[in-house]
C-alpha atoms as a PDB file:
ATOM      1  CA  MET A   1      90.669 -55.823  18.796  1.00  0.00           C
ATOM      2  CA  LEU A   2      91.112 -56.837  22.136  1.00  0.00           C
ATOM      3  CA  LYS A   3      92.281 -53.187  23.448  1.00  0.00           C
ATOM      4  CA  ARG A   4      89.249 -51.825  20.682  1.00  0.00           C
ATOM      5  CA  ARG A   5      87.042 -54.487  23.227  1.00  0.00           C
ATOM      6  CA  LYS A   6      88.505 -53.222  26.351  1.00  0.00           C
ATOM      7  CA  TRP A   7      88.144 -49.791  25.744  1.00  0.00           C
ATOM      8  CA  LEU A   8      84.293 -50.276  25.061  1.00  0.00           C
ATOM      9  CA  PHE A   9      84.356 -52.306  27.967  1.00  0.00           C
ATOM     10  CA  PHE A  10      85.487 -48.860  30.127  1.00  0.00           C
ATOM     11  CA  GLY A  11      83.212 -46.814  28.371  1.00  0.00           C
ATOM     12  CA  LEU A  12      79.702 -49.263  28.997  1.00  0.00           C
ATOM     13  CA  LEU A  13      80.936 -48.932  32.769  1.00  0.00           C
ATOM     14  CA  ILE A  14      81.974 -45.419  33.001  1.00  0.00           C
ATOM     15  CA  GLY A  15      78.474 -44.789  31.655  1.00  0.00           C
ATOM     16  CA  VAL A  16      76.500 -47.996  33.205  1.00  0.00           C
ATOM     17  CA  LEU A  17      78.185 -45.845  36.654  1.00  0.00           C
ATOM     18  CA  GLY A  18      76.871 -42.364  35.713  1.00  0.00           C
ATOM     19  CA  LEU A  19      73.421 -43.867  34.739  1.00  0.00           C
ATOM     20  CA  VAL A  20      73.599 -45.134  38.643  1.00  0.00           C
ATOM     21  CA  ILE A  21      74.922 -41.425  40.130  1.00  0.00           C
ATOM     22  CA  PHE A  22      72.037 -39.838  38.189  1.00  0.00           C
ATOM     23  CA  VAL A  23      69.585 -41.990  39.197  1.00  0.00           C
ATOM     24  CA  ILE A  24      70.482 -41.772  43.118  1.00  0.00           C
ATOM     25  CA  TRP A  25      70.662 -38.110  42.667  1.00  0.00           C
ATOM     26  CA  THR A  26      67.560 -37.685  40.759  1.00  0.00           C
ATOM     27  CA  SER A  27      66.052 -39.309  43.486  1.00  0.00           C
ATOM     28  CA  SER A  28      67.193 -37.314  46.346  1.00  0.00           C
ATOM     29  CA  TYR A  29      66.029 -34.295  44.519  1.00  0.00           C
ATOM     30  CA  SER A  30      62.612 -35.683  43.617  1.00  0.00           C
ATOM     31  CA  HIS A  31      60.615 -35.984  46.236  1.00  0.00           C
ATOM     32  CA  ASP A  32      57.946 -33.117  46.885  1.00  0.00           C
ATOM     33  CA  VAL A  33      56.316 -34.358  49.990  1.00  0.00           C
ATOM     34  CA  CYS A  34      58.254 -33.596  53.547  1.00  0.00           C
ATOM     35  CA  THR A  35      56.899 -35.454  56.409  1.00  0.00           C
ATOM     36  CA  ASP A  36      57.617 -32.754  60.288  1.00  0.00           C
ATOM     37  CA  ASN A  37      55.781 -34.509  63.321  1.00  0.00           C
ATOM     38  CA  GLU A  38      56.133 -31.358  65.518  1.00  0.00           C
ATOM     39  CA  VAL A  39      53.701 -28.767  63.108  1.00  0.00           C
ATOM     40  CA  SER A  40      52.242 -25.545  63.787  1.00  0.00           C
ATOM     41  CA  ILE A  41      50.254 -23.444  62.322  1.00  0.00           C
ATOM     42  CA  GLN A  42      48.883 -20.116  63.823  1.00  0.00           C
ATOM     43  CA  VAL A  43      46.510 -17.134  61.862  1.00  0.00           C
ATOM     44  CA  PHE A  44      45.922 -14.256  62.643  1.00  0.00           C
ATOM     45  CA  PHE A  45      43.940 -11.188  60.792  1.00  0.00           C
ATOM     46  CA  CYS A  46      45.386  -7.230  60.991  1.00  0.00           C
ATOM     47  CA  PRO A  47      44.431  -5.215  62.325  1.00  0.00           C
ATOM     48  CA  SER A  48      41.535  -6.991  64.445  1.00  0.00           C
ATOM     49  CA  GLU A  49      44.353  -8.761  65.905  1.00  0.00           C
ATOM     50  CA  ASN A  50      47.504  -7.261  66.910  1.00  0.00           C
ATOM     51  CA  CYS A  51      50.120  -8.719  64.278  1.00  0.00           C
ATOM     52  CA  PHE A  52      52.795  -6.017  65.201  1.00  0.00           C
ATOM     53  CA  GLN A  53      53.748  -7.476  68.689  1.00  0.00           C
ATOM     54  CA  LEU A  54      53.469 -11.068  67.191  1.00  0.00           C
ATOM     55  CA  VAL A  55      55.750  -9.759  65.059  1.00  0.00           C
ATOM     56  CA  SER A  56      57.629  -7.884  67.419  1.00  0.00           C
ATOM     57  CA  ASP A  57      57.912 -10.944  69.584  1.00  0.00           C
ATOM     58  CA  LEU A  58      59.338 -13.423  67.405  1.00  0.00           C
ATOM     59  CA  PHE A  59      62.108  -9.958  66.629  1.00  0.00           C
ATOM     60  CA  SER A  60      63.221 -10.095  70.127  1.00  0.00           C
ATOM     61  CA  SER A  61      63.242 -13.607  70.674  1.00  0.00           C
ATOM     62  CA  SER A  62      64.603 -15.059  67.855  1.00  0.00           C
ATOM     63  CA  LYS A  63      68.121 -15.753  67.464  1.00  0.00           C
ATOM     64  CA  GLU A  64      68.686 -15.740  63.328  1.00  0.00           C
ATOM     65  CA  ILE A  65      65.987 -13.937  61.408  1.00  0.00           C
ATOM     66  CA  ARG A  66      66.311 -14.418  57.753  1.00  0.00           C
ATOM     67  CA  CYS A  67      63.067 -12.018  55.005  1.00  0.00           C
ATOM     68  CA  ALA A  68      61.832 -10.545  52.749  1.00  0.00           C
ATOM     69  CA  PHE A  69      59.981  -7.781  52.080  1.00  0.00           C
ATOM     70  CA  TYR A  70      58.404  -6.227  49.707  1.00  0.00           C
ATOM     71  CA  ASP A  71      57.681  -2.919  51.280  1.00  0.00           C
ATOM     72  CA  LEU A  72      58.686  -1.383  55.448  1.00  0.00           C
ATOM     73  CA  ASP A  73      58.708   1.517  56.879  1.00  0.00           C
ATOM     74  CA  GLU A  74      61.458   2.912  58.544  1.00  0.00           C
ATOM     75  CA  GLU A  75      59.882   3.324  61.812  1.00  0.00           C
ATOM     76  CA  ILE A  76      58.482   0.260  61.730  1.00  0.00           C
ATOM     77  CA  TRP A  77      62.234  -0.535  61.183  1.00  0.00           C
ATOM     78  CA  GLU A  78      63.508   1.364  64.126  1.00  0.00           C
ATOM     79  CA  GLU A  79      61.391  -0.534  66.126  1.00  0.00           C
ATOM     80  CA  LEU A  80      61.877  -4.050  65.175  1.00  0.00           C
ATOM     81  CA  SER A  81      65.659  -2.809  65.481  1.00  0.00           C
ATOM     82  CA  ARG A  82      65.093  -1.048  68.807  1.00  0.00           C
ATOM     83  CA  VAL A  83      63.820  -4.792  70.074  1.00  0.00           C
ATOM     84  CA  ARG A  84      67.323  -6.267  69.397  1.00  0.00           C
ATOM     85  CA  GLY A  85      68.912  -4.038  71.011  1.00  0.00           C
ATOM     86  CA  ASP A  86      72.664  -4.450  69.868  1.00  0.00           C
ATOM     87  CA  ASN A  87      72.100  -8.285  68.519  1.00  0.00           C
ATOM     88  CA  MET A  88      71.802  -7.442  65.006  1.00  0.00           C
ATOM     89  CA  ALA A  89      74.163  -9.800  63.393  1.00  0.00           C
ATOM     90  CA  GLY A  90      71.625 -12.110  62.928  1.00  0.00           C
ATOM     91  CA  VAL A  91      69.371 -10.444  61.034  1.00  0.00           C
ATOM     92  CA  GLY A  92      69.108 -10.246  57.744  1.00  0.00           C
ATOM     93  CA  ILE A  93      66.413  -8.478  55.433  1.00  0.00           C
ATOM     94  CA  VAL A  94      65.758  -8.681  51.284  1.00  0.00           C
ATOM     95  CA  MET A  95      63.694  -5.668  50.140  1.00  0.00           C
ATOM     96  CA  GLU A  96      61.904  -4.490  46.767  1.00  0.00           C
ATOM     97  CA  ASP A  97      64.825  -1.971  45.604  1.00  0.00           C
ATOM     98  CA  SER A  98      62.157   0.568  44.686  1.00  0.00           C
ATOM     99  CA  ASN A  99      61.029   0.896  48.644  1.00  0.00           C
ATOM    100  CA  CYS A 100      64.766  -0.032  50.040  1.00  0.00           C
ATOM    101  CA  ILE A 101      65.564   0.730  53.451  1.00  0.00           C
ATOM    102  CA  GLU A 102      69.656   2.018  53.616  1.00  0.00           C
ATOM    103  CA  HIS A 103      71.232  -0.020  56.195  1.00  0.00           C
ATOM    104  CA  GLU A 104      73.926  -2.849  56.771  1.00  0.00           C
ATOM    105  CA  ARG A 105      71.510  -6.024  57.290  1.00  0.00           C
ATOM    106  CA  ILE A 106      68.851  -5.021  54.498  1.00  0.00           C
ATOM    107  CA  ASP A 107      69.881  -6.048  50.380  1.00  0.00           C
ATOM    108  CA  CYS A 108      67.926  -4.205  47.863  1.00  0.00           C
ATOM    109  CA  GLY A 109      68.837  -6.148  44.335  1.00  0.00           C
ATOM    110  CA  TYR A 110      67.339  -4.589  40.983  1.00  0.00           C
ATOM    111  CA  SER A 111      64.248  -6.877  40.425  1.00  0.00           C
ATOM    112  CA  TYR A 112      63.107  -6.140  36.573  1.00  0.00           C
ATOM    113  CA  SER A 113      59.391  -6.913  37.746  1.00  0.00           C
ATOM    114  CA  GLN A 114      58.502  -6.854  41.353  1.00  0.00           C
ATOM    115  CA  MET A 115      60.263  -9.025  44.930  1.00  0.00           C
ATOM    116  CA  HIS A 116      57.197  -9.020  46.028  1.00  0.00           C
ATOM    117  CA  ASN A 117      57.075 -11.637  48.729  1.00  0.00           C
ATOM    118  CA  LYS A 118      56.432 -11.421  52.476  1.00  0.00           C
ATOM    119  CA  PHE A 119      57.706 -13.360  54.673  1.00  0.00           C
ATOM    120  CA  CYS A 120      60.273 -14.259  57.402  1.00  0.00           C
ATOM    121  CA  VAL A 121      62.274 -17.322  58.574  1.00  0.00           C
ATOM    122  CA  PHE A 122      62.967 -17.333  62.352  1.00  0.00           C
ATOM    123  CA  ASP A 123      65.654 -19.629  63.716  1.00  0.00           C
ATOM    124  CA  GLU A 124      65.438 -21.589  60.592  1.00  0.00           C
ATOM    125  CA  LYS A 125      62.363 -23.001  62.210  1.00  0.00           C
ATOM    126  CA  VAL A 126      59.670 -20.622  62.342  1.00  0.00           C
ATOM    127  CA  VAL A 127      57.866 -19.126  58.686  1.00  0.00           C
ATOM    128  CA  LEU A 128      56.116 -15.793  58.985  1.00  0.00           C
ATOM    129  CA  THR A 129      54.122 -15.402  55.647  1.00  0.00           C
ATOM    130  CA  GLY A 130      50.898 -13.492  54.432  1.00  0.00           C
ATOM    131  CA  SER A 131      49.594 -10.759  52.664  1.00  0.00           C
ATOM    132  CA  LEU A 132      51.179  -8.227  55.799  1.00  0.00           C
ATOM    133  CA  ASN A 133      54.009  -6.082  54.468  1.00  0.00           C
ATOM    134  CA  PRO A 134      55.655  -4.716  57.640  1.00  0.00           C
ATOM    135  CA  THR A 135      54.809  -0.791  57.321  1.00  0.00           C
ATOM    136  CA  LYS A 136      51.878   1.236  59.814  1.00  0.00           C
ATOM    137  CA  ASN A 137      48.929   0.797  57.219  1.00  0.00           C
ATOM    138  CA  GLY A 138      49.636  -2.476  56.912  1.00  0.00           C
ATOM    139  CA  PHE A 139      49.844  -3.329  60.489  1.00  0.00           C
ATOM    140  CA  PHE A 140      47.127  -1.142  61.989  1.00  0.00           C
ATOM    141  CA  LYS A 141      44.581   0.064  59.101  1.00  0.00           C
ATOM    142  CA  ASN A 142      44.360  -2.855  56.200  1.00  0.00           C
ATOM    143  CA  ASN A 143      43.141  -5.894  56.389  1.00  0.00           C
ATOM    144  CA  ASN A 144      45.523  -8.632  56.325  1.00  0.00           C
ATOM    145  CA  ASN A 145      46.429 -11.793  57.539  1.00  0.00           C
ATOM    146  CA  ILE A 146      49.559 -13.561  58.436  1.00  0.00           C
ATOM    147  CA  LEU A 147      51.043 -17.136  59.474  1.00  0.00           C
ATOM    148  CA  ILE A 148      53.562 -18.272  62.067  1.00  0.00           C
ATOM    149  CA  ILE A 149      54.277 -22.295  60.525  1.00  0.00           C
ATOM    150  CA  ASN A 150      56.494 -23.635  63.128  1.00  0.00           C
ATOM    151  CA  SER A 151      57.523 -26.352  61.318  1.00  0.00           C
ATOM    152  CA  SER A 152      61.881 -26.920  60.300  1.00  0.00           C
ATOM    153  CA  CYS A 153      60.665 -28.822  56.998  1.00  0.00           C
ATOM    154  CA  VAL A 154      58.878 -25.500  55.697  1.00  0.00           C
ATOM    155  CA  ALA A 155      61.641 -23.240  57.096  1.00  0.00           C
ATOM    156  CA  LYS A 156      64.637 -25.171  55.264  1.00  0.00           C
ATOM    157  CA  GLU A 157      62.565 -24.382  52.186  1.00  0.00           C
ATOM    158  CA  TYR A 158      61.616 -20.286  52.593  1.00  0.00           C
ATOM    159  CA  LEU A 159      65.085 -20.541  53.751  1.00  0.00           C
ATOM    160  CA  SER A 160      66.853 -21.183  50.283  1.00  0.00           C
ATOM    161  CA  GLU A 161      64.087 -18.888  48.617  1.00  0.00           C
ATOM    162  CA  TYR A 162      65.984 -16.180  51.276  1.00  0.00           C
ATOM    163  CA  TRP A 163      69.155 -16.808  49.963  1.00  0.00           C
ATOM    164  CA  GLU A 164      68.237 -16.933  46.110  1.00  0.00           C
ATOM    165  CA  LEU A 165      66.920 -13.596  46.410  1.00  0.00           C
ATOM    166  CA  LYS A 166      70.220 -12.442  48.917  1.00  0.00           C
ATOM    167  CA  GLU A 167      72.186 -13.521  45.564  1.00  0.00           C
ATOM    168  CA  GLY A 168      70.233 -11.167  43.466  1.00  0.00           C
ATOM    169  CA  ILE A 169      68.483 -14.482  41.761  1.00  0.00           C
ATOM    170  CA  PHE A 170      65.215 -12.362  40.488  1.00  0.00           C
ATOM    171  CA  GLY A 171      61.953 -13.721  38.758  1.00  0.00           C
ATOM    172  CA  ARG A 172      63.328 -16.971  38.300  1.00  0.00           C
ATOM    173  CA  GLY A 173      65.352 -19.887  40.425  1.00  0.00           C
ATOM    174  CA  LYS A 174      65.562 -23.192  41.515  1.00  0.00           C
ATOM    175  CA  LYS A 175      62.659 -25.214  42.458  1.00  0.00           C
ATOM    176  CA  SER A 176      61.743 -25.875  45.628  1.00  0.00           C
ATOM    177  CA  ARG A 177      62.914 -29.757  46.859  1.00  0.00           C
ATOM    178  CA  TYR A 178      60.191 -30.163  48.539  1.00  0.00           C
ATOM    179  CA  ASN A 179      56.600 -28.085  47.866  1.00  0.00           C
ATOM    180  CA  ARG A 180      53.821 -30.358  50.353  1.00  0.00           C
ATOM    181  CA  LEU A 181      54.134 -31.319  54.239  1.00  0.00           C
ATOM    182  CA  LYS A 182      52.162 -34.578  55.642  1.00  0.00           C
ATOM    183  CA  ILE A 183      51.495 -35.697  58.962  1.00  0.00           C
ATOM    184  CA  GLY A 184      51.116 -38.709  58.827  1.00  0.00           C
ATOM    185  CA  ASP A 185      49.162 -39.922  55.843  1.00  0.00           C
ATOM    186  CA  SER A 186      47.486 -36.588  55.871  1.00  0.00           C
ATOM    187  CA  GLU A 187      48.577 -33.522  53.628  1.00  0.00           C
ATOM    188  CA  LEU A 188      48.102 -30.226  55.447  1.00  0.00           C
ATOM    189  CA  LEU A 189      50.210 -27.735  53.304  1.00  0.00           C
ATOM    190  CA  GLU A 190      51.234 -26.671  50.097  1.00  0.00           C
ATOM    191  CA  TRP A 191      54.102 -23.363  49.232  1.00  0.00           C
ATOM    192  CA  TYR A 192      55.314 -23.090  46.009  1.00  0.00           C
ATOM    193  CA  PHE A 193      57.165 -19.463  45.027  1.00  0.00           C
ATOM    194  CA  CYS A 194      56.357 -17.644  41.722  1.00  0.00           C
ATOM    195  CA  PRO A 195      57.343 -18.004  39.117  1.00  0.00           C
ATOM    196  CA  GLU A 196      59.891 -21.183  38.710  1.00  0.00           C
ATOM    197  CA  ASP A 197      57.089 -23.356  40.806  1.00  0.00           C
ATOM    198  CA  ASP A 198      54.156 -22.184  38.573  1.00  0.00           C
ATOM    199  CA  CYS A 199      52.031 -20.995  41.016  1.00  0.00           C
ATOM    200  CA  GLY A 200      49.277 -19.959  38.856  1.00  0.00           C
ATOM    201  CA  ASN A 201      48.613 -23.463  37.675  1.00  0.00           C
ATOM    202  CA  ARG A 202      48.381 -24.806  41.347  1.00  0.00           C
ATOM    203  CA  VAL A 203      45.716 -21.737  42.386  1.00  0.00           C
ATOM    204  CA  LEU A 204      43.947 -23.024  39.494  1.00  0.00           C
ATOM    205  CA  GLU A 205      43.746 -26.754  39.927  1.00  0.00           C
ATOM    206  CA  ILE A 206      43.236 -26.595  43.713  1.00  0.00           C
ATOM    207  CA  LEU A 207      39.998 -24.060  42.329  1.00  0.00           C
ATOM    208  CA  GLU A 208      39.369 -26.877  40.234  1.00  0.00           C
ATOM    209  CA  MET A 209      38.193 -28.930  42.758  1.00  0.00           C
ATOM    210  CA  ALA A 210      35.675 -26.469  44.790  1.00  0.00           C
ATOM    211  CA  GLU A 211      32.334 -28.269  45.074  1.00  0.00           C
ATOM    212  CA  GLU A 212      29.974 -26.510  46.942  1.00  0.00           C
ATOM    213  CA  GLU A 213      31.188 -22.654  47.770  1.00  0.00           C
ATOM    214  CA  VAL A 214      34.503 -20.848  47.395  1.00  0.00           C
ATOM    215  CA  CYS A 215      34.810 -17.345  49.558  1.00  0.00           C
ATOM    216  CA  PHE A 216      37.683 -14.783  48.488  1.00  0.00           C
ATOM    217  CA  SER A 217      38.938 -12.162  49.765  1.00  0.00           C
ATOM    218  CA  SER A 218      41.561 -10.146  47.363  1.00  0.00           C
ATOM    219  CA  PHE A 219      43.266  -6.428  46.961  1.00  0.00           C
ATOM    220  CA  ALA A 220      42.957  -7.124  43.424  1.00  0.00           C
ATOM    221  CA  LEU A 221      42.399  -9.326  40.477  1.00  0.00           C
ATOM    222  CA  THR A 222      43.291  -9.230  36.911  1.00  0.00           C
ATOM    223  CA  ASP A 223      44.655 -12.867  36.055  1.00  0.00           C
ATOM    224  CA  ASN A 224      42.248 -13.887  33.161  1.00  0.00           C
ATOM    225  CA  LYS A 225      42.334 -17.605  33.943  1.00  0.00           C
ATOM    226  CA  ILE A 226      41.740 -17.300  37.275  1.00  0.00           C
ATOM    227  CA  ARG A 227      38.289 -15.242  36.115  1.00  0.00           C
ATOM    228  CA  ASP A 228      37.089 -18.045  33.780  1.00  0.00           C
ATOM    229  CA  LYS A 229      37.653 -20.640  36.352  1.00  0.00           C
ATOM    230  CA  ILE A 230      35.159 -18.898  38.501  1.00  0.00           C
ATOM    231  CA  SER A 231      32.884 -18.446  36.393  1.00  0.00           C
ATOM    232  CA  LEU A 232      32.714 -22.048  35.262  1.00  0.00           C
ATOM    233  CA  LEU A 233      32.546 -22.850  38.704  1.00  0.00           C
ATOM    234  CA  ASP A 234      29.492 -20.420  39.486  1.00  0.00           C
ATOM    235  CA  GLU A 235      28.099 -22.174  36.153  1.00  0.00           C
ATOM    236  CA  GLY A 236      28.366 -25.665  37.639  1.00  0.00           C
ATOM    237  CA  GLY A 237      26.517 -24.536  40.377  1.00  0.00           C
ATOM    238  CA  VAL A 238      29.349 -23.729  43.049  1.00  0.00           C
ATOM    239  CA  LYS A 239      28.156 -20.625  45.490  1.00  0.00           C
ATOM    240  CA  ILE A 240      30.804 -17.697  44.421  1.00  0.00           C
ATOM    241  CA  TYR A 241      30.917 -14.740  45.916  1.00  0.00           C
ATOM    242  CA  GLY A 242      33.809 -12.104  47.356  1.00  0.00           C
ATOM    243  CA  THR A 243      35.450  -8.965  47.682  1.00  0.00           C
ATOM    244  CA  ILE A 244      37.817  -6.679  46.172  1.00  0.00           C
ATOM    245  CA  GLU A 245      39.900  -3.197  47.129  1.00  0.00           C
ATOM    246  CA  ASN A 246      37.660  -0.555  46.099  1.00  0.00           C
ATOM    247  CA  ARG A 247      40.211   0.889  44.575  1.00  0.00           C
ATOM    248  CA  ASN A 248      41.279  -1.110  41.895  1.00  0.00           C
ATOM    249  CA  ARG A 249      37.790  -1.716  40.245  1.00  0.00           C
ATOM    250  CA  ASN A 250      38.915   0.302  37.617  1.00  0.00           C
ATOM    251  CA  LEU A 251      42.566  -1.442  37.863  1.00  0.00           C
ATOM    252  CA  PHE A 252      43.414  -2.006  34.233  1.00  0.00           C
ATOM    253  CA  GLY A 253      42.458  -5.605  33.249  1.00  0.00           C
ATOM    254  CA  SER A 254      40.931  -5.783  36.938  1.00  0.00           C
ATOM    255  CA  ASP A 255      37.731  -8.536  36.298  1.00  0.00           C
ATOM    256  CA  TYR A 256      35.553  -6.619  38.465  1.00  0.00           C
ATOM    257  CA  LYS A 257      32.680  -5.498  35.776  1.00  0.00           C
ATOM    258  CA  LEU A 258      32.744  -8.693  34.503  1.00  0.00           C
ATOM    259  CA  LEU A 259      32.436 -10.987  37.474  1.00  0.00           C
ATOM    260  CA  SER A 260      29.756  -8.470  39.097  1.00  0.00           C
ATOM    261  CA  LYS A 261      27.559  -9.060  36.228  1.00  0.00           C
ATOM    262  CA  ASP A 262      27.197 -12.914  37.233  1.00  0.00           C
ATOM    263  CA  ILE A 263      28.458 -13.602  40.661  1.00  0.00           C
ATOM    264  CA  ASP A 264      27.884 -12.167  44.263  1.00  0.00           C
ATOM    265  CA  ILE A 265      31.020  -9.918  43.858  1.00  0.00           C
ATOM    266  CA  ARG A 266      31.557  -6.643  46.395  1.00  0.00           C
ATOM    267  CA  LEU A 267      33.901  -3.431  47.013  1.00  0.00           C
ATOM    268  CA  ASP A 268      35.584  -3.270  50.235  1.00  0.00           C
ATOM    269  CA  ALA A 269      34.514  -0.620  52.753  1.00  0.00           C
ATOM    270  CA  ASN A 270      37.386  -0.047  54.454  1.00  0.00           C
ATOM    271  CA  LYS A 271      38.843   3.125  53.761  1.00  0.00           C
ATOM    272  CA  ASP A 272      42.236   2.102  53.497  1.00  0.00           C
ATOM    273  CA  SER A 273      42.937  -1.053  51.910  1.00  0.00           C
ATOM    274  CA  MET A 274      41.562  -4.618  51.824  1.00  0.00           C
ATOM    275  CA  HIS A 275      45.079  -6.063  51.703  1.00  0.00           C
ATOM    276  CA  HIS A 276      43.851  -9.288  51.486  1.00  0.00           C
ATOM    277  CA  LYS A 277      44.706 -12.475  48.764  1.00  0.00           C
ATOM    278  CA  PHE A 278      42.727 -15.358  50.371  1.00  0.00           C
ATOM    279  CA  PHE A 279      40.269 -17.910  48.571  1.00  0.00           C
ATOM    280  CA  VAL A 280      38.296 -20.509  51.131  1.00  0.00           C
ATOM    281  CA  ILE A 281      36.835 -23.862  48.987  1.00  0.00           C
ATOM    282  CA  ASP A 282      34.389 -25.785  50.762  1.00  0.00           C
ATOM    283  CA  ASN A 283      35.468 -24.046  54.143  1.00  0.00           C
ATOM    284  CA  LYS A 284      38.222 -26.853  54.135  1.00  0.00           C
ATOM    285  CA  THR A 285      41.240 -25.122  51.671  1.00  0.00           C
ATOM    286  CA  VAL A 286      42.285 -22.003  51.917  1.00  0.00           C
ATOM    287  CA  ILE A 287      44.791 -20.465  49.063  1.00  0.00           C
ATOM    288  CA  THR A 288      46.701 -17.525  50.205  1.00  0.00           C
ATOM    289  CA  GLY A 289      50.619 -15.497  50.065  1.00  0.00           C
ATOM    290  CA  SER A 290      51.721 -12.594  48.875  1.00  0.00           C
ATOM    291  CA  ALA A 291      50.447 -13.083  45.218  1.00  0.00           C
ATOM    292  CA  ASN A 292      47.513 -11.359  43.864  1.00  0.00           C
ATOM    293  CA  PRO A 293      45.015 -13.594  41.686  1.00  0.00           C
ATOM    294  CA  SER A 294      46.541 -12.016  38.436  1.00  0.00           C
ATOM    295  CA  GLU A 295      49.817 -13.008  35.652  1.00  0.00           C
ATOM    296  CA  SER A 296      52.285  -9.993  37.140  1.00  0.00           C
ATOM    297  CA  GLY A 297      51.451 -12.241  40.322  1.00  0.00           C
ATOM    298  CA  TYR A 298      52.082 -15.965  39.536  1.00  0.00           C
ATOM    299  CA  GLU A 299      54.176 -15.370  36.183  1.00  0.00           C
ATOM    300  CA  ASN A 300      56.536 -12.207  37.046  1.00  0.00           C
ATOM    301  CA  ASN A 301      56.918 -11.165  40.105  1.00  0.00           C
ATOM    302  CA  ASP A 302      58.658 -12.766  43.159  1.00  0.00           C
ATOM    303  CA  GLU A 303      55.933 -14.002  45.296  1.00  0.00           C
ATOM    304  CA  ASN A 304      55.025 -17.155  47.928  1.00  0.00           C
ATOM    305  CA  VAL A 305      51.667 -19.253  47.529  1.00  0.00           C
ATOM    306  CA  LEU A 306      49.516 -21.137  50.677  1.00  0.00           C
ATOM    307  CA  ILE A 307      47.693 -23.725  50.313  1.00  0.00           C
ATOM    308  CA  ILE A 308      46.367 -25.346  53.438  1.00  0.00           C
ATOM    309  CA  HIS A 309      44.287 -28.602  54.188  1.00  0.00           C
ATOM    310  CA  ASN A 310      42.941 -28.090  56.955  1.00  0.00           C
ATOM    311  CA  SER A 311      38.969 -27.071  57.705  1.00  0.00           C
ATOM    312  CA  GLU A 312      39.803 -25.317  61.362  1.00  0.00           C
ATOM    313  CA  ILE A 313      42.141 -22.556  59.468  1.00  0.00           C
ATOM    314  CA  ALA A 314      39.809 -22.452  56.393  1.00  0.00           C
ATOM    315  CA  GLU A 315      36.753 -21.465  59.026  1.00  0.00           C
ATOM    316  CA  SER A 316      38.987 -19.124  60.246  1.00  0.00           C
ATOM    317  CA  TYR A 317      39.540 -17.769  57.190  1.00  0.00           C
ATOM    318  CA  MET A 318      35.740 -18.216  56.037  1.00  0.00           C
ATOM    319  CA  ARG A 319      34.792 -15.854  58.577  1.00  0.00           C
ATOM    320  CA  GLU A 320      37.284 -12.711  57.852  1.00  0.00           C
ATOM    321  CA  CYS A 321      35.959 -13.743  54.229  1.00  0.00           C
ATOM    322  CA  ILE A 322      32.299 -13.078  55.664  1.00  0.00           C
ATOM    323  CA  ASP A 323      33.414 -10.221  57.628  1.00  0.00           C
ATOM    324  CA  VAL A 324      34.696  -8.364  54.534  1.00  0.00           C
ATOM    325  CA  PHE A 325      32.120  -9.011  52.561  1.00  0.00           C
ATOM    326  CA  SER A 326      29.677  -8.248  54.300  1.00  0.00           C
ATOM    327  CA  LYS A 327      30.796  -4.934  55.497  1.00  0.00           C
ATOM    328  CA  GLY A 328      31.563  -4.152  51.092  1.00  0.00           C
ATOM    329  CA  PHE A 329      29.300  -3.139  48.793  1.00  0.00           C
ATOM    330  CA  SER A 330      28.211  -3.273  45.063  1.00  0.00           C
END
């Protein structure tokens, strides 16, 4: 009897210790907000600004560079390699396999969907991301936006995503340990990696917050949930208008025709491509990143989505949105 009680005691003790360890472990990995007092975000719009020079300068001045690109021109890669000189040891690139460049510093694992990211991490403290593929068209012809985020907190999460992709983990992966950045008491930035971080639902939640106005510029728009949300906002009195890439108006699943019955949605006038993927909400919040508002973008592809809560940055995107919209046609 005493022996049974002893084993029961040890069993309970082990169970309690296990529970304590589990609570400590989960609490250390359950925080979704990180703080960083040294943060800056710069926004640039291509081709009106020299986006190639910005990227080239980062490649030439950084010791360690880790990138994930859907597409990359060989000529651009050669130029970026040239500015590095012999210092290529700290460079690592993961690419979509269908666009692969053969090089010892480039990995191209097979994904059943698409590795559609466009980001780099420089020296574990600077993130470059947005809609830009580093191609000649991407830099010099297409409408694109890029962000340069100086934050070790954000860089750490993007670097974790890079290593997942390098290991061949596509279309899945661990949820981000952190996906929100605060400065003091104010939330500045959110980031999500699709599909594991449920990007689509967070985009819908942010759109739901719109009270007065939403302007968008999007290469494609095929997500029916986004379409329905836009329609509901319009019915509720929110001013909705935007632009999609002209050649995607008849894309399979495109919501252009349905939306154009009720809202002012225009076709892009750039003879090359309007490659943006962003929304501006009430001139104070921006949704941007690599993902088009589509089911593939949010649920299948490897993508990243950024949500920025800053009126100054929102005003920059708003100017671009209105400029693209004003040049468009119905």
